[in-house]
């Protein structure tokens, strides 16, 4: 298995255990993880810090607006916070690929990553 495959398997397990995903769409998860690029392999860059407003702005601008092509509205901030809540309070491992996976599902943009 490649490093990417190992991470995708790890993220799938985390999504089931910590985010309540009953059936993880592996093709979507792999596509989103691949789209994250080298950031997956860097400890700090591989996670989303929901307590950092600058980080949340980056998620909004770079992923939701640029990658998914969504209109830049306050609705995006609500979605970011909603997805962050799915990880549960105190969960410091909000992996970027998992976060983006949940956002892509929420906005029904899964086809972009398959």
Protein backbone atom coordinates (compact mmCIF):
# COMPACT_ATOMS: atom_id res chain seq x y z
CA UNK A 1 0.00 0.00 0.00
CA UNK A 2 1.11 3.54 -0.69
CA UNK A 3 1.27 6.29 1.93
CA UNK A 4 -1.88 7.78 0.42
CA UNK A 5 -3.72 4.46 0.72
CA UNK A 6 -2.63 4.16 4.35
CA UNK A 7 -3.91 7.66 5.14
CA UNK A 8 -7.22 7.08 3.32
CA UNK A 9 -7.78 3.90 5.37
CA UNK A 10 -6.97 5.81 8.56
CA UNK A 11 -9.35 8.64 7.63
CA UNK A 12 -12.15 6.19 6.78
CA UNK A 13 -11.83 4.60 10.22
CA UNK A 14 -11.80 8.01 11.89
CA UNK A 15 -14.87 9.14 9.94
CA UNK A 16 -16.80 6.09 11.11
CA UNK A 17 -15.68 6.22 14.74
CA UNK A 18 -15.53 9.94 15.45
CA UNK A 19 -17.83 11.59 12.92
CA UNK A 20 -20.64 9.05 12.80
CA UNK A 21 -20.31 8.25 9.09
CA UNK A 22 -22.06 4.92 8.60
CA UNK A 23 -20.75 4.19 5.11
CA UNK A 24 -17.69 6.09 3.93
CA UNK A 25 -17.55 6.78 0.19
CA UNK A 26 -13.99 5.56 -0.39
CA UNK A 27 -13.77 6.96 -3.93
CA UNK A 28 -14.72 10.42 -2.66
CA UNK A 29 -12.39 10.21 0.32
CA UNK A 30 -9.48 9.11 -1.87
CA UNK A 31 -10.22 11.88 -4.39
CA UNK A 32 -10.39 14.55 -1.71
CA UNK A 33 -7.21 13.26 -0.05
CA UNK A 34 -5.40 13.28 -3.37
CA UNK A 35 -6.59 16.84 -4.02
CA UNK A 36 -5.06 17.94 -0.70
CA UNK A 37 -1.65 17.17 -2.17
CA UNK A 38 1.51 17.25 -0.07
CA UNK A 39 -0.24 18.90 2.89
CA UNK A 40 -1.42 15.42 3.94
CA UNK A 41 2.11 14.45 4.86
CA UNK A 42 2.90 17.46 7.05
CA UNK A 43 1.76 17.23 10.66
CA UNK A 44 0.42 20.77 10.98
CA UNK A 45 -0.90 21.24 7.44
CA UNK A 46 -2.77 17.91 7.51
CA UNK A 47 -5.19 19.22 10.14
CA UNK A 48 -7.76 22.01 10.27
CA UNK A 49 -7.63 24.20 13.36
CA UNK A 50 -11.21 25.26 13.98
CA UNK A 51 -10.10 27.68 16.71
CA UNK A 52 -8.01 29.71 14.24
CA UNK A 53 -10.10 32.24 12.25
CA UNK A 54 -7.33 32.52 9.62
CA UNK A 55 -7.45 28.74 9.05
CA UNK A 56 -11.24 28.78 8.67
CA UNK A 57 -10.95 31.63 6.18
CA UNK A 58 -8.49 29.50 4.21
CA UNK A 59 -10.92 26.56 4.16
CA UNK A 60 -13.67 28.88 2.96
CA UNK A 61 -11.62 30.66 0.30
CA UNK A 62 -9.37 27.89 -1.02
CA UNK A 63 -11.63 24.88 -0.77
CA UNK A 64 -15.26 25.97 -0.79
CA UNK A 65 -14.97 28.92 -3.17
CA UNK A 66 -12.00 28.04 -5.39
CA UNK A 67 -12.15 24.23 -5.46
CA UNK A 68 -15.90 23.61 -5.16
CA UNK A 69 -16.94 26.80 -6.98
CA UNK A 70 -19.44 27.93 -4.34
CA UNK A 71 -20.57 31.54 -3.92
CA UNK A 72 -18.76 33.31 -1.07
CA UNK A 73 -21.61 33.83 1.41
CA UNK A 74 -22.06 33.56 5.18
CA UNK A 75 -23.71 30.18 4.58
CA UNK A 76 -20.20 28.80 4.02
CA UNK A 77 -19.11 29.78 7.53
CA UNK A 78 -22.15 28.01 8.96
CA UNK A 79 -21.24 24.86 7.04
CA UNK A 80 -17.62 25.02 8.22
CA UNK A 81 -18.74 25.26 11.84
CA UNK A 82 -21.33 22.51 11.39
CA UNK A 83 -18.72 20.13 9.99
CA UNK A 84 -16.31 21.08 12.78
CA UNK A 85 -18.99 20.13 15.31
CA UNK A 86 -19.26 16.66 13.73
CA UNK A 87 -15.75 15.93 14.97
CA UNK A 88 -16.86 16.51 18.56
CA UNK A 89 -15.52 18.86 21.16
CA UNK A 90 -12.00 18.15 22.26
CA UNK A 91 -11.09 16.22 19.12
CA UNK A 92 -7.85 17.87 18.04
CA UNK A 93 -7.36 15.62 15.03
CA UNK A 94 -9.60 17.29 12.48
CA UNK A 95 -7.77 15.96 9.46
CA UNK A 96 -8.02 18.21 6.41
CA UNK A 97 -9.01 15.39 4.04
CA UNK A 98 -11.82 14.32 6.39
CA UNK A 99 -12.99 17.90 6.82
CA UNK A 100 -13.04 18.48 3.07
CA UNK A 101 -14.77 15.12 2.52
CA UNK A 102 -17.60 16.14 4.84
CA UNK A 103 -17.88 19.57 3.20
CA UNK A 104 -17.95 18.05 -0.30
CA UNK A 105 -20.75 15.71 0.80
CA UNK A 106 -22.66 18.53 2.47
CA UNK A 107 -22.63 20.65 -0.68
CA UNK A 108 -23.23 17.63 -2.96
CA UNK A 109 -19.98 18.11 -4.85
CA UNK A 110 -18.73 14.52 -4.55
CA UNK A 111 -18.68 14.05 -8.33
CA UNK A 112 -15.81 16.54 -8.57
CA UNK A 113 -13.48 14.11 -6.80
CA UNK A 114 -14.40 10.78 -8.39
